[in-house]
Amino acid sequence: MGGNNSFDPVSLISSMVFGAVLGPQQGTTGGRGQDASAAAEAEAAQQAAEARQRADRKKAEAALLAKARQAERASAAQNDQDGTSDSLGGASGVSGVASANLATGQLKARLGQ
């Protein structure tokens, strides 16, 4: 009775069921791959930013140490010109080292190390 215009209910139902199940599943696995690659890119960007921050911090520390050393040399040169280091004798060398160690400790404390 169906004749030529009949439809196949089994193929229609199976395409609806399996199409609904497999369609989103394929899209989900593709989405997972995109999520994983996006997460990997974000992780790489974060690591690069952290590396830049560490490099910037090291540059700043080196600049501050160089500035402190330059100030220490200028102070020592001024003391030599004033003659104060001659009156102190050998103690000026020791106090210079202690002063440099103190300045370095203070600098590291300011940088949070």
PDB file of N, CA and C in Angstrom:
ATOM      1  N   MET A   1       0.781  -1.166   0.000  1.00  0.00           N
ATOM      2  CA  MET A   1       0.000   0.000   0.000  1.00  0.00           C
ATOM      3  C   MET A   1       0.839   1.253   0.000  1.00  0.00           C
ATOM      4  N   GLY A   2       2.028   1.153   0.421  1.00  0.00           N
ATOM      5  CA  GLY A   2       2.863   2.323   0.495  1.00  0.00           C
ATOM      6  C   GLY A   2       3.163   2.893  -0.857  1.00  0.00           C
ATOM      7  N   GLY A   3       3.356   2.056  -1.813  1.00  0.00           N
ATOM      8  CA  GLY A   3       3.637   2.489  -3.165  1.00  0.00           C
ATOM      9  C   GLY A   3       4.998   3.153  -3.285  1.00  0.00           C
ATOM     10  N   ASN A   4       5.127   4.025  -4.255  1.00  0.00           N
ATOM     11  CA  ASN A   4       6.407   4.692  -4.527  1.00  0.00           C
ATOM     12  C   ASN A   4       6.679   5.867  -3.592  1.00  0.00           C
ATOM     13  N   ASN A   5       5.650   6.453  -3.040  1.00  0.00           N
ATOM     14  CA  ASN A   5       5.829   7.638  -2.210  1.00  0.00           C
ATOM     15  C   ASN A   5       6.006   7.314  -0.735  1.00  0.00           C
ATOM     16  N   SER A   6       6.285   6.080  -0.390  1.00  0.00           N
ATOM     17  CA  SER A   6       6.422   5.718   1.019  1.00  0.00           C
ATOM     18  C   SER A   6       7.809   6.141   1.531  1.00  0.00           C
ATOM     19  N   PHE A   7       7.889   6.334   2.802  1.00  0.00           N
ATOM     20  CA  PHE A   7       9.170   6.683   3.404  1.00  0.00           C
ATOM     21  C   PHE A   7       9.623   5.551   4.303  1.00  0.00           C
ATOM     22  N   ASP A   8      10.899   5.521   4.579  1.00  0.00           N
ATOM     23  CA  ASP A   8      11.472   4.459   5.402  1.00  0.00           C
ATOM     24  C   ASP A   8      11.626   5.007   6.818  1.00  0.00           C
ATOM     25  N   PRO A   9      10.763   4.604   7.742  1.00  0.00           N
ATOM     26  CA  PRO A   9      10.818   5.154   9.096  1.00  0.00           C
ATOM     27  C   PRO A   9      12.095   4.761   9.840  1.00  0.00           C
ATOM     28  N   VAL A  10      12.667   3.632   9.551  1.00  0.00           N
ATOM     29  CA  VAL A  10      13.876   3.184  10.243  1.00  0.00           C
ATOM     30  C   VAL A  10      15.046   4.106   9.909  1.00  0.00           C
ATOM     31  N   SER A  11      15.219   4.428   8.624  1.00  0.00           N
ATOM     32  CA  SER A  11      16.332   5.298   8.251  1.00  0.00           C
ATOM     33  C   SER A  11      16.109   6.715   8.779  1.00  0.00           C
ATOM     34  N   LEU A  12      14.875   7.152   8.806  1.00  0.00           N
ATOM     35  CA  LEU A  12      14.574   8.487   9.308  1.00  0.00           C
ATOM     36  C   LEU A  12      14.858   8.576  10.808  1.00  0.00           C
ATOM     37  N   ILE A  13      14.417   7.593  11.553  1.00  0.00           N
ATOM     38  CA  ILE A  13      14.626   7.581  13.004  1.00  0.00           C
ATOM     39  C   ILE A  13      16.106   7.401  13.325  1.00  0.00           C
ATOM     40  N   SER A  14      16.770   6.510  12.623  1.00  0.00           N
ATOM     41  CA  SER A  14      18.191   6.285  12.897  1.00  0.00           C
ATOM     42  C   SER A  14      19.023   7.525  12.579  1.00  0.00           C
ATOM     43  N   SER A  15      18.694   8.235  11.508  1.00  0.00           N
ATOM     44  CA  SER A  15      19.442   9.450  11.198  1.00  0.00           C
ATOM     45  C   SER A  15      19.186  10.530  12.246  1.00  0.00           C
ATOM     46  N   MET A  16      17.962  10.584  12.773  1.00  0.00           N
ATOM     47  CA  MET A  16      17.671  11.568  13.818  1.00  0.00           C
ATOM     48  C   MET A  16      18.408  11.219  15.106  1.00  0.00           C
ATOM     49  N   VAL A  17      18.392   9.948  15.490  1.00  0.00           N
ATOM     50  CA  VAL A  17      19.030   9.537  16.742  1.00  0.00           C
ATOM     51  C   VAL A  17      20.535   9.632  16.634  1.00  0.00           C
ATOM     52  N   PHE A  18      21.104   8.986  15.627  1.00  0.00           N
ATOM     53  CA  PHE A  18      22.556   8.972  15.508  1.00  0.00           C
ATOM     54  C   PHE A  18      23.096  10.327  15.068  1.00  0.00           C
ATOM     55  N   GLY A  19      22.333  11.059  14.315  1.00  0.00           N
ATOM     56  CA  GLY A  19      22.759  12.400  13.937  1.00  0.00           C
ATOM     57  C   GLY A  19      22.810  13.320  15.140  1.00  0.00           C
ATOM     58  N   ALA A  20      21.834  13.186  16.028  1.00  0.00           N
ATOM     59  CA  ALA A  20      21.808  14.006  17.235  1.00  0.00           C
ATOM     60  C   ALA A  20      22.922  13.605  18.191  1.00  0.00           C
ATOM     61  N   VAL A  21      23.243  12.321  18.233  1.00  0.00           N
ATOM     62  CA  VAL A  21      24.282  11.856  19.144  1.00  0.00           C
ATOM     63  C   VAL A  21      25.664  12.127  18.576  1.00  0.00           C
ATOM     64  N   LEU A  22      25.903  11.804  17.345  1.00  0.00           N
ATOM     65  CA  LEU A  22      27.228  11.931  16.751  1.00  0.00           C
ATOM     66  C   LEU A  22      27.569  13.366  16.372  1.00  0.00           C
ATOM     67  N   GLY A  23      26.583  14.141  16.005  1.00  0.00           N
ATOM     68  CA  GLY A  23      26.856  15.518  15.609  1.00  0.00           C
ATOM     69  C   GLY A  23      27.490  16.331  16.725  1.00  0.00           C
ATOM     70  N   PRO A  24      26.850  16.430  17.878  1.00  0.00           N
ATOM     71  CA  PRO A  24      27.458  17.190  18.979  1.00  0.00           C
ATOM     72  C   PRO A  24      28.747  16.564  19.476  1.00  0.00           C
ATOM     73  N   GLN A  25      28.854  15.247  19.406  1.00  0.00           N
ATOM     74  CA  GLN A  25      30.064  14.590  19.868  1.00  0.00           C
ATOM     75  C   GLN A  25      31.248  14.979  18.993  1.00  0.00           C
ATOM     76  N   GLN A  26      31.064  15.032  17.705  1.00  0.00           N
ATOM     77  CA  GLN A  26      32.156  15.429  16.829  1.00  0.00           C
ATOM     78  C   GLN A  26      32.507  16.889  17.057  1.00  0.00           C
ATOM     79  N   GLY A  27      31.510  17.711  17.266  1.00  0.00           N
ATOM     80  CA  GLY A  27      31.769  19.114  17.550  1.00  0.00           C
ATOM     81  C   GLY A  27      32.475  19.291  18.881  1.00  0.00           C
ATOM     82  N   THR A  28      32.160  18.448  19.852  1.00  0.00           N
ATOM     83  CA  THR A  28      32.778  18.541  21.162  1.00  0.00           C
ATOM     84  C   THR A  28      34.243  18.176  21.103  1.00  0.00           C
ATOM     85  N   THR A  29      34.591  17.133  20.374  1.00  0.00           N
ATOM     86  CA  THR A  29      35.998  16.759  20.288  1.00  0.00           C
ATOM     87  C   THR A  29      36.779  17.826  19.554  1.00  0.00           C
ATOM     88  N   GLY A  30      36.184  18.439  18.572  1.00  0.00           N
ATOM     89  CA  GLY A  30      36.854  19.547  17.899  1.00  0.00           C
ATOM     90  C   GLY A  30      37.013  20.722  18.835  1.00  0.00           C
ATOM     91  N   GLY A  31      36.020  20.966  19.665  1.00  0.00           N
ATOM     92  CA  GLY A  31      36.080  22.039  20.644  1.00  0.00           C
ATOM     93  C   GLY A  31      37.122  21.770  21.709  1.00  0.00           C
ATOM     94  N   ARG A  32      37.257  20.505  22.097  1.00  0.00           N
ATOM     95  CA  ARG A  32      38.275  20.146  23.084  1.00  0.00           C
ATOM     96  C   ARG A  32      39.665  20.415  22.542  1.00  0.00           C
ATOM     97  N   GLY A  33      39.875  20.107  21.282  1.00  0.00           N
ATOM     98  CA  GLY A  33      41.175  20.373  20.665  1.00  0.00           C
ATOM     99  C   GLY A  33      41.473  21.854  20.623  1.00  0.00           C
ATOM    100  N   GLN A  34      40.443  22.636  20.319  1.00  0.00           N
ATOM    101  CA  GLN A  34      40.627  24.084  20.298  1.00  0.00           C
ATOM    102  C   GLN A  34      40.855  24.616  21.700  1.00  0.00           C
ATOM    103  N   ASP A  35      40.131  24.072  22.673  1.00  0.00           N
ATOM    104  CA  ASP A  35      40.327  24.495  24.059  1.00  0.00           C
ATOM    105  C   ASP A  35      41.733  24.164  24.539  1.00  0.00           C
ATOM    106  N   ALA A  36      42.227  22.983  24.182  1.00  0.00           N
ATOM    107  CA  ALA A  36      43.564  22.574  24.591  1.00  0.00           C
ATOM    108  C   ALA A  36      44.622  23.470  23.955  1.00  0.00           C
ATOM    109  N   SER A  37      44.454  23.777  22.681  1.00  0.00           N
ATOM    110  CA  SER A  37      45.449  24.633  22.032  1.00  0.00           C
ATOM    111  C   SER A  37      45.369  26.051  22.579  1.00  0.00           C
ATOM    112  N   ALA A  38      44.177  26.526  22.883  1.00  0.00           N
ATOM    113  CA  ALA A  38      44.034  27.862  23.471  1.00  0.00           C
ATOM    114  C   ALA A  38      44.654  27.891  24.866  1.00  0.00           C
ATOM    115  N   ALA A  39      44.479  26.822  25.627  1.00  0.00           N
ATOM    116  CA  ALA A  39      45.070  26.742  26.963  1.00  0.00           C
ATOM    117  C   ALA A  39      46.588  26.693  26.869  1.00  0.00           C
ATOM    118  N   ALA A  40      47.107  25.953  25.893  1.00  0.00           N
ATOM    119  CA  ALA A  40      48.556  25.880  25.706  1.00  0.00           C
ATOM    120  C   ALA A  40      49.122  27.243  25.307  1.00  0.00           C
ATOM    121  N   GLU A  41      48.411  27.955  24.451  1.00  0.00           N
ATOM    122  CA  GLU A  41      48.854  29.293  24.054  1.00  0.00           C
ATOM    123  C   GLU A  41      48.826  30.254  25.235  1.00  0.00           C
ATOM    124  N   ALA A  42      47.787  30.156  26.048  1.00  0.00           N
ATOM    125  CA  ALA A  42      47.685  31.021  27.226  1.00  0.00           C
ATOM    126  C   ALA A  42      48.805  30.713  28.210  1.00  0.00           C
ATOM    127  N   GLU A  43      49.109  29.442  28.391  1.00  0.00           N
ATOM    128  CA  GLU A  43      50.191  29.032  29.287  1.00  0.00           C
ATOM    129  C   GLU A  43      51.535  29.548  28.780  1.00  0.00           C
ATOM    130  N   ALA A  44      51.764  29.436  27.486  1.00  0.00           N
ATOM    131  CA  ALA A  44      53.011  29.930  26.907  1.00  0.00           C
ATOM    132  C   ALA A  44      53.121  31.439  27.048  1.00  0.00           C
ATOM    133  N   ALA A  45      52.021  32.142  26.849  1.00  0.00           N
ATOM    134  CA  ALA A  45      52.026  33.603  27.002  1.00  0.00           C
ATOM    135  C   ALA A  45      52.302  33.991  28.451  1.00  0.00           C
ATOM    136  N   GLN A  46      51.723  33.247  29.384  1.00  0.00           N
ATOM    137  CA  GLN A  46      51.947  33.534  30.798  1.00  0.00           C
ATOM    138  C   GLN A  46      53.410  33.287  31.171  1.00  0.00           C
ATOM    139  N   GLN A  47      53.991  32.192  30.688  1.00  0.00           N
ATOM    140  CA  GLN A  47      55.382  31.902  30.980  1.00  0.00           C
ATOM    141  C   GLN A  47      56.303  32.957  30.379  1.00  0.00           C
ATOM    142  N   ALA A  48      55.982  33.424  29.182  1.00  0.00           N
ATOM    143  CA  ALA A  48      56.786  34.469  28.549  1.00  0.00           C
ATOM    144  C   ALA A  48      56.695  35.768  29.348  1.00  0.00           C
ATOM    145  N   ALA A  49      55.502  36.094  29.840  1.00  0.00           N
ATOM    146  CA  ALA A  49      55.329  37.305  30.647  1.00  0.00           C
ATOM    147  C   ALA A  49      56.119  37.201  31.953  1.00  0.00           C
ATOM    148  N   GLU A  50      56.092  36.032  32.572  1.00  0.00           N
ATOM    149  CA  GLU A  50      56.846  35.833  33.808  1.00  0.00           C
ATOM    150  C   GLU A  50      58.343  35.936  33.557  1.00  0.00           C
ATOM    151  N   ALA A  51      58.802  35.397  32.429  1.00  0.00           N
ATOM    152  CA  ALA A  51      60.223  35.490  32.087  1.00  0.00           C
ATOM    153  C   ALA A  51      60.626  36.944  31.859  1.00  0.00           C
ATOM    154  N   ARG A  52      59.749  37.706  31.197  1.00  0.00           N
ATOM    155  CA  ARG A  52      60.047  39.138  30.999  1.00  0.00           C
ATOM    156  C   ARG A  52      60.106  39.868  32.334  1.00  0.00           C
ATOM    157  N   GLN A  53      59.199  39.541  33.243  1.00  0.00           N
ATOM    158  CA  GLN A  53      59.198  40.184  34.562  1.00  0.00           C
ATOM    159  C   GLN A  53      60.470  39.861  35.330  1.00  0.00           C
ATOM    160  N   ARG A  54      60.907  38.586  35.267  1.00  0.00           N
ATOM    161  CA  ARG A  54      62.147  38.207  35.952  1.00  0.00           C
ATOM    162  C   ARG A  54      63.332  38.944  35.354  1.00  0.00           C
ATOM    163  N   ALA A  55      63.377  39.041  34.028  1.00  0.00           N
ATOM    164  CA  ALA A  55      64.474  39.746  33.374  1.00  0.00           C
ATOM    165  C   ALA A  55      64.463  41.222  33.735  1.00  0.00           C
ATOM    166  N   ASP A  56      63.290  41.831  33.758  1.00  0.00           N
ATOM    167  CA  ASP A  56      63.184  43.240  34.136  1.00  0.00           C
ATOM    168  C   ASP A  56      63.630  43.449  35.582  1.00  0.00           C
ATOM    169  N   ARG A  57      63.238  42.533  36.460  1.00  0.00           N
ATOM    170  CA  ARG A  57      63.621  42.630  37.870  1.00  0.00           C
ATOM    171  C   ARG A  57      65.133  42.513  38.024  1.00  0.00           C
ATOM    172  N   LYS A  58      65.743  41.592  37.274  1.00  0.00           N
ATOM    173  CA  LYS A  58      67.195  41.426  37.347  1.00  0.00           C
ATOM    174  C   LYS A  58      67.906  42.662  36.808  1.00  0.00           C
ATOM    175  N   LYS A  59      67.380  43.248  35.733  1.00  0.00           N
ATOM    176  CA  LYS A  59      67.982  44.462  35.193  1.00  0.00           C
ATOM    177  C   LYS A  59      67.894  45.597  36.205  1.00  0.00           C
ATOM    178  N   ALA A  60      66.744  45.729  36.850  1.00  0.00           N
ATOM    179  CA  ALA A  60      66.566  46.780  37.850  1.00  0.00           C
ATOM    180  C   ALA A  60      67.508  46.574  39.026  1.00  0.00           C
ATOM    181  N   GLU A  61      67.649  45.318  39.452  1.00  0.00           N
ATOM    182  CA  GLU A  61      68.555  45.013  40.559  1.00  0.00           C
ATOM    183  C   GLU A  61      69.996  45.328  40.177  1.00  0.00           C
ATOM    184  N   ALA A  62      70.381  44.942  38.977  1.00  0.00           N
ATOM    185  CA  ALA A  62      71.747  45.225  38.522  1.00  0.00           C
ATOM    186  C   ALA A  62      71.998  46.727  38.441  1.00  0.00           C
ATOM    187  N   ALA A  63      71.011  47.467  37.961  1.00  0.00           N
ATOM    188  CA  ALA A  63      71.163  48.924  37.865  1.00  0.00           C
ATOM    189  C   ALA A  63      71.290  49.543  39.253  1.00  0.00           C
ATOM    190  N   LEU A  64      70.475  49.074  40.208  1.00  0.00           N
ATOM    191  CA  LEU A  64      70.557  49.609  41.569  1.00  0.00           C
ATOM    192  C   LEU A  64      71.875  49.246  42.239  1.00  0.00           C
ATOM    193  N   LEU A  65      72.351  48.031  42.016  1.00  0.00           N
ATOM    194  CA  LEU A  65      73.646  47.637  42.575  1.00  0.00           C
ATOM    195  C   LEU A  65      74.771  48.468  41.979  1.00  0.00           C
ATOM    196  N   ALA A  66      74.719  48.697  40.678  1.00  0.00           N
ATOM    197  CA  ALA A  66      75.748  49.519  40.032  1.00  0.00           C
ATOM    198  C   ALA A  66      75.708  50.942  40.576  1.00  0.00           C
ATOM    199  N   LYS A  67      74.507  51.453  40.778  1.00  0.00           N
ATOM    200  CA  LYS A  67      74.358  52.803  41.325  1.00  0.00           C
ATOM    201  C   LYS A  67      74.898  52.867  42.752  1.00  0.00           C
ATOM    202  N   ALA A  68      74.605  51.846  43.553  1.00  0.00           N
ATOM    203  CA  ALA A  68      75.101  51.803  44.926  1.00  0.00           C
ATOM    204  C   ALA A  68      76.621  51.705  44.951  1.00  0.00           C
ATOM    205  N   ARG A  69      77.180  50.895  44.081  1.00  0.00           N
ATOM    206  CA  ARG A  69      78.645  50.778  44.007  1.00  0.00           C
ATOM    207  C   ARG A  69      79.270  52.090  43.570  1.00  0.00           C
ATOM    208  N   GLN A  70      78.644  52.744  42.605  1.00  0.00           N
ATOM    209  CA  GLN A  70      79.160  54.033  42.145  1.00  0.00           C
ATOM    210  C   GLN A  70      79.108  55.062  43.275  1.00  0.00           C
ATOM    211  N   ALA A  71      78.023  55.059  44.023  1.00  0.00           N
ATOM    212  CA  ALA A  71      77.913  55.980  45.157  1.00  0.00           C
ATOM    213  C   ALA A  71      78.956  55.656  46.214  1.00  0.00           C
ATOM    214  N   GLU A  72      79.200  54.374  46.438  1.00  0.00           N
ATOM    215  CA  GLU A  72      80.214  53.954  47.409  1.00  0.00           C
ATOM    216  C   GLU A  72      81.602  54.400  46.960  1.00  0.00           C
ATOM    217  N   ARG A  73      81.885  54.251  45.664  1.00  0.00           N
ATOM    218  CA  ARG A  73      83.190  54.703  45.142  1.00  0.00           C
ATOM    219  C   ARG A  73      83.328  56.218  45.265  1.00  0.00           C
ATOM    220  N   ALA A  74      82.234  56.919  44.956  1.00  0.00           N
ATOM    221  CA  ALA A  74      82.281  58.381  45.064  1.00  0.00           C
ATOM    222  C   ALA A  74      82.492  58.799  46.510  1.00  0.00           C
ATOM    223  N   SER A  75      81.837  58.108  47.431  1.00  0.00           N
ATOM    224  CA  SER A  75      82.012  58.403  48.852  1.00  0.00           C
ATOM    225  C   SER A  75      83.430  58.110  49.298  1.00  0.00           C
ATOM    226  N   ALA A  76      83.984  56.982  48.838  1.00  0.00           N
ATOM    227  CA  ALA A  76      85.362  56.635  49.190  1.00  0.00           C
ATOM    228  C   ALA A  76      86.339  57.650  48.599  1.00  0.00           C
ATOM    229  N   ALA A  77      86.086  58.080  47.389  1.00  0.00           N
ATOM    230  CA  ALA A  77      86.949  59.080  46.764  1.00  0.00           C
ATOM    231  C   ALA A  77      86.860  60.404  47.515  1.00  0.00           C
ATOM    232  N   GLN A  78      85.667  60.759  47.944  1.00  0.00           N
ATOM    233  CA  GLN A  78      85.493  61.998  48.708  1.00  0.00           C
ATOM    234  C   GLN A  78      86.215  61.898  50.046  1.00  0.00           C
ATOM    235  N   ASN A  79      86.123  60.710  50.669  1.00  0.00           N
ATOM    236  CA  ASN A  79      86.818  60.506  51.935  1.00  0.00           C
ATOM    237  C   ASN A  79      88.323  60.590  51.735  1.00  0.00           C
ATOM    238  N   ASP A  80      88.823  60.053  50.646  1.00  0.00           N
ATOM    239  CA  ASP A  80      90.255  60.135  50.357  1.00  0.00           C
ATOM    240  C   ASP A  80      90.683  61.580  50.160  1.00  0.00           C
ATOM    241  N   GLN A  81      89.861  62.340  49.490  1.00  0.00           N
ATOM    242  CA  GLN A  81      90.195  63.750  49.268  1.00  0.00           C
ATOM    243  C   GLN A  81      90.136  64.533  50.575  1.00  0.00           C
ATOM    244  N   ASP A  82      89.208  64.214  51.438  1.00  0.00           N
ATOM    245  CA  ASP A  82      89.080  64.921  52.703  1.00  0.00           C
ATOM    246  C   ASP A  82      90.142  64.506  53.699  1.00  0.00           C
ATOM    247  N   GLY A  83      90.791  63.387  53.485  1.00  0.00           N
ATOM    248  CA  GLY A  83      91.812  62.918  54.398  1.00  0.00           C
ATOM    249  C   GLY A  83      91.264  62.120  55.553  1.00  0.00           C
ATOM    250  N   THR A  84      89.976  61.829  55.541  1.00  0.00           N
ATOM    251  CA  THR A  84      89.399  61.075  56.653  1.00  0.00           C
ATOM    252  C   THR A  84      89.856  59.626  56.636  1.00  0.00           C
ATOM    253  N   SER A  85      90.092  59.078  55.463  1.00  0.00           N
ATOM    254  CA  SER A  85      90.530  57.684  55.425  1.00  0.00           C
ATOM    255  C   SER A  85      91.948  57.540  55.944  1.00  0.00           C
ATOM    256  N   ASP A  86      92.767  58.582  55.802  1.00  0.00           N
ATOM    257  CA  ASP A  86      94.129  58.517  56.341  1.00  0.00           C
ATOM    258  C   ASP A  86      94.112  58.505  57.856  1.00  0.00           C
ATOM    259  N   SER A  87      93.208  59.238  58.462  1.00  0.00           N
ATOM    260  CA  SER A  87      93.157  59.287  59.913  1.00  0.00           C
ATOM    261  C   SER A  87      92.586  57.994  60.502  1.00  0.00           C
ATOM    262  N   LEU A  88      91.757  57.287  59.725  1.00  0.00           N
ATOM    263  CA  LEU A  88      91.178  56.041  60.216  1.00  0.00           C
ATOM    264  C   LEU A  88      92.126  54.863  60.052  1.00  0.00           C
ATOM    265  N   GLY A  89      93.101  54.951  59.212  1.00  0.00           N
ATOM    266  CA  GLY A  89      94.059  53.876  58.999  1.00  0.00           C
ATOM    267  C   GLY A  89      93.425  52.697  58.301  1.00  0.00           C
ATOM    268  N   GLY A  90      93.693  51.488  58.784  1.00  0.00           N
ATOM    269  CA  GLY A  90      93.200  50.272  58.155  1.00  0.00           C
ATOM    270  C   GLY A  90      91.717  50.049  58.379  1.00  0.00           C
ATOM    271  N   ALA A  91      91.128  50.723  59.324  1.00  0.00           N
ATOM    272  CA  ALA A  91      89.722  50.509  59.642  1.00  0.00           C
ATOM    273  C   ALA A  91      88.806  50.987  58.532  1.00  0.00           C
ATOM    274  N   SER A  92      89.269  51.942  57.710  1.00  0.00           N
ATOM    275  CA  SER A  92      88.393  52.447  56.653  1.00  0.00           C
ATOM    276  C   SER A  92      88.087  51.372  55.617  1.00  0.00           C
ATOM    277  N   GLY A  93      89.054  50.503  55.331  1.00  0.00           N
ATOM    278  CA  GLY A  93      88.809  49.416  54.383  1.00  0.00           C
ATOM    279  C   GLY A  93      87.770  48.455  54.903  1.00  0.00           C
ATOM    280  N   VAL A  94      87.833  48.152  56.186  1.00  0.00           N
ATOM    281  CA  VAL A  94      86.876  47.236  56.786  1.00  0.00           C
ATOM    282  C   VAL A  94      85.493  47.873  56.815  1.00  0.00           C
ATOM    283  N   SER A  95      85.412  49.140  57.192  1.00  0.00           N
ATOM    284  CA  SER A  95      84.102  49.775  57.250  1.00  0.00           C
ATOM    285  C   SER A  95      83.517  49.929  55.855  1.00  0.00           C
ATOM    286  N   GLY A  96      84.367  50.101  54.843  1.00  0.00           N
ATOM    287  CA  GLY A  96      83.887  50.184  53.467  1.00  0.00           C
ATOM    288  C   GLY A  96      83.236  48.885  53.028  1.00  0.00           C
ATOM    289  N   VAL A  97      83.846  47.757  53.387  1.00  0.00           N
ATOM    290  CA  VAL A  97      83.288  46.446  53.038  1.00  0.00           C
ATOM    291  C   VAL A  97      81.991  46.219  53.795  1.00  0.00           C
ATOM    292  N   ALA A  98      81.982  46.565  55.091  1.00  0.00           N
ATOM    293  CA  ALA A  98      80.766  46.396  55.883  1.00  0.00           C
ATOM    294  C   ALA A  98      79.659  47.291  55.351  1.00  0.00           C
ATOM    295  N   SER A  99      80.013  48.495  54.953  1.00  0.00           N
ATOM    296  CA  SER A  99      79.021  49.417  54.400  1.00  0.00           C
ATOM    297  C   SER A  99      78.466  48.895  53.082  1.00  0.00           C
ATOM    298  N   ALA A 100      79.332  48.333  52.237  1.00  0.00           N
ATOM    299  CA  ALA A 100      78.879  47.777  50.958  1.00  0.00           C
ATOM    300  C   ALA A 100      77.952  46.579  51.198  1.00  0.00           C
ATOM    301  N   ASN A 101      78.311  45.730  52.176  1.00  0.00           N
ATOM    302  CA  ASN A 101      77.454  44.578  52.493  1.00  0.00           C
ATOM    303  C   ASN A 101      76.112  45.034  53.042  1.00  0.00           C
ATOM    304  N   LEU A 102      76.121  46.080  53.849  1.00  0.00           N
ATOM    305  CA  LEU A 102      74.877  46.611  54.390  1.00  0.00           C
ATOM    306  C   LEU A 102      74.010  47.183  53.273  1.00  0.00           C
ATOM    307  N   ALA A 103      74.630  47.931  52.368  1.00  0.00           N
ATOM    308  CA  ALA A 103      73.882  48.517  51.251  1.00  0.00           C
ATOM    309  C   ALA A 103      73.301  47.421  50.358  1.00  0.00           C
ATOM    310  N   THR A 104      74.083  46.367  50.114  1.00  0.00           N
ATOM    311  CA  THR A 104      73.596  45.259  49.287  1.00  0.00           C
ATOM    312  C   THR A 104      72.433  44.553  49.984  1.00  0.00           C
ATOM    313  N   GLY A 105      72.527  44.349  51.288  1.00  0.00           N
ATOM    314  CA  GLY A 105      71.445  43.719  52.041  1.00  0.00           C
ATOM    315  C   GLY A 105      70.171  44.540  52.013  1.00  0.00           C
ATOM    316  N   GLN A 106      70.340  45.852  52.167  1.00  0.00           N
ATOM    317  CA  GLN A 106      69.170  46.729  52.123  1.00  0.00           C
ATOM    318  C   GLN A 106      68.530  46.729  50.746  1.00  0.00           C
ATOM    319  N   LEU A 107      69.363  46.708  49.696  1.00  0.00           N
ATOM    320  CA  LEU A 107      68.853  46.693  48.339  1.00  0.00           C
ATOM    321  C   LEU A 107      68.068  45.408  48.071  1.00  0.00           C
ATOM    322  N   LYS A 108      68.603  44.300  48.494  1.00  0.00           N
ATOM    323  CA  LYS A 108      67.905  43.030  48.305  1.00  0.00           C
ATOM    324  C   LYS A 108      66.606  42.998  49.098  1.00  0.00           C
ATOM    325  N   ALA A 109      66.596  43.603  50.278  1.00  0.00           N
ATOM    326  CA  ALA A 109      65.372  43.644  51.059  1.00  0.00           C
ATOM    327  C   ALA A 109      64.313  44.486  50.355  1.00  0.00           C
ATOM    328  N   ARG A 110      64.728  45.574  49.726  1.00  0.00           N
ATOM    329  CA  ARG A 110      63.767  46.407  49.001  1.00  0.00           C
ATOM    330  C   ARG A 110      63.221  45.676  47.782  1.00  0.00           C
ATOM    331  N   LEU A 111      64.054  44.857  47.156  1.00  0.00           N
ATOM    332  CA  LEU A 111      63.609  44.122  45.976  1.00  0.00           C
ATOM    333  C   LEU A 111      62.802  42.885  46.346  1.00  0.00           C
ATOM    334  N   GLY A 112      62.771  42.554  47.628  1.00  0.00           N
ATOM    335  CA  GLY A 112      61.943  41.440  48.062  1.00  0.00           C
ATOM    336  C   GLY A 112      62.617  40.088  47.900  1.00  0.00           C
ATOM    337  N   GLN A 113      63.909  40.053  48.020  1.00  0.00           N
ATOM    338  CA  GLN A 113      64.611  38.760  47.864  1.00  0.00           C
ATOM    339  C   GLN A 113      65.042  38.233  49.208  1.00  0.00           C
TER     340      GLN A 113
END
